[in-house]
Protein backbone atom coordinates (compact mmCIF):
# COMPACT_ATOMS: atom_id res chain seq x y z
CA UNK A 1 -47.38 -34.36 67.42
CA UNK A 2 -44.19 -33.09 69.21
CA UNK A 3 -42.51 -30.35 67.92
CA UNK A 4 -39.15 -31.61 69.08
CA UNK A 5 -39.84 -33.92 66.67
CA UNK A 6 -41.37 -32.22 63.17
CA UNK A 7 -38.59 -29.83 63.48
CA UNK A 8 -36.14 -32.58 63.92
CA UNK A 9 -38.01 -34.10 60.78
CA UNK A 10 -38.05 -31.40 59.38
CA UNK A 11 -34.27 -30.47 59.06
CA UNK A 12 -33.05 -34.37 58.09
CA UNK A 13 -35.18 -33.75 55.03
CA UNK A 14 -33.42 -30.47 54.16
CA UNK A 15 -30.41 -32.00 54.50
CA UNK A 16 -31.31 -34.54 52.67
CA UNK A 17 -31.98 -31.98 50.00
CA UNK A 18 -29.19 -30.40 50.34
CA UNK A 19 -27.29 -33.39 49.58
CA UNK A 20 -29.05 -34.27 47.16
CA UNK A 21 -28.38 -31.32 45.01
CA UNK A 22 -24.51 -31.37 46.07
CA UNK A 23 -24.60 -34.92 44.89
CA UNK A 24 -26.19 -34.24 41.42
CA UNK A 25 -23.27 -31.23 41.03
CA UNK A 26 -20.34 -33.69 41.03
CA UNK A 27 -22.25 -35.62 38.98
CA UNK A 28 -23.25 -33.12 36.49
CA UNK A 29 -19.16 -31.63 36.67
CA UNK A 30 -17.94 -35.15 35.81
CA UNK A 31 -19.95 -35.52 33.85
CA UNK A 32 -19.29 -32.41 31.51
CA UNK A 33 -15.26 -32.93 32.31
CA UNK A 34 -15.93 -36.68 30.20
CA UNK A 35 -17.58 -34.76 27.48
CA UNK A 36 -14.90 -32.38 27.42
CA UNK A 37 -11.93 -34.79 27.02
CA UNK A 38 -14.65 -37.20 24.33
CA UNK A 39 -14.13 -33.75 22.40
CA UNK A 40 -10.85 -34.05 22.36
CA UNK A 41 -10.66 -37.45 21.52
CA UNK A 42 -12.99 -37.27 18.02
CA UNK A 43 -11.01 -33.99 17.26
CA UNK A 44 -7.59 -35.68 17.58
CA UNK A 45 -8.93 -38.81 14.91
CA UNK A 46 -10.55 -36.71 12.59
CA UNK A 47 -8.28 -36.89 9.74
CA UNK A 48 -9.65 -34.40 6.75
CA UNK A 49 -8.19 -36.65 3.72
CA UNK A 50 -9.20 -40.09 4.60
CA UNK A 51 -12.82 -40.94 2.37
CA UNK A 52 -13.11 -37.97 0.01
CA UNK A 53 -11.99 -40.49 -3.22
CA UNK A 54 -13.60 -43.08 -3.56
CA UNK A 55 -12.42 -45.79 -6.23
CA UNK A 56 -14.89 -48.18 -7.10
CA UNK A 57 -14.25 -51.01 -9.82
CA UNK A 58 -16.36 -52.97 -11.08
């Protein structure tokens, strides 16, 4: 086995792992941002007086 090719293969493996971690980090940031936005939208849509009283006529 050639030492130079082994070194190159290990470097590429490390680089691919680093890129994968960075991509997952970016995705996590995006998901957190979407979650925060969703929470804000849900908080704005809450109307506490709706549903408090129920009229049932039979």
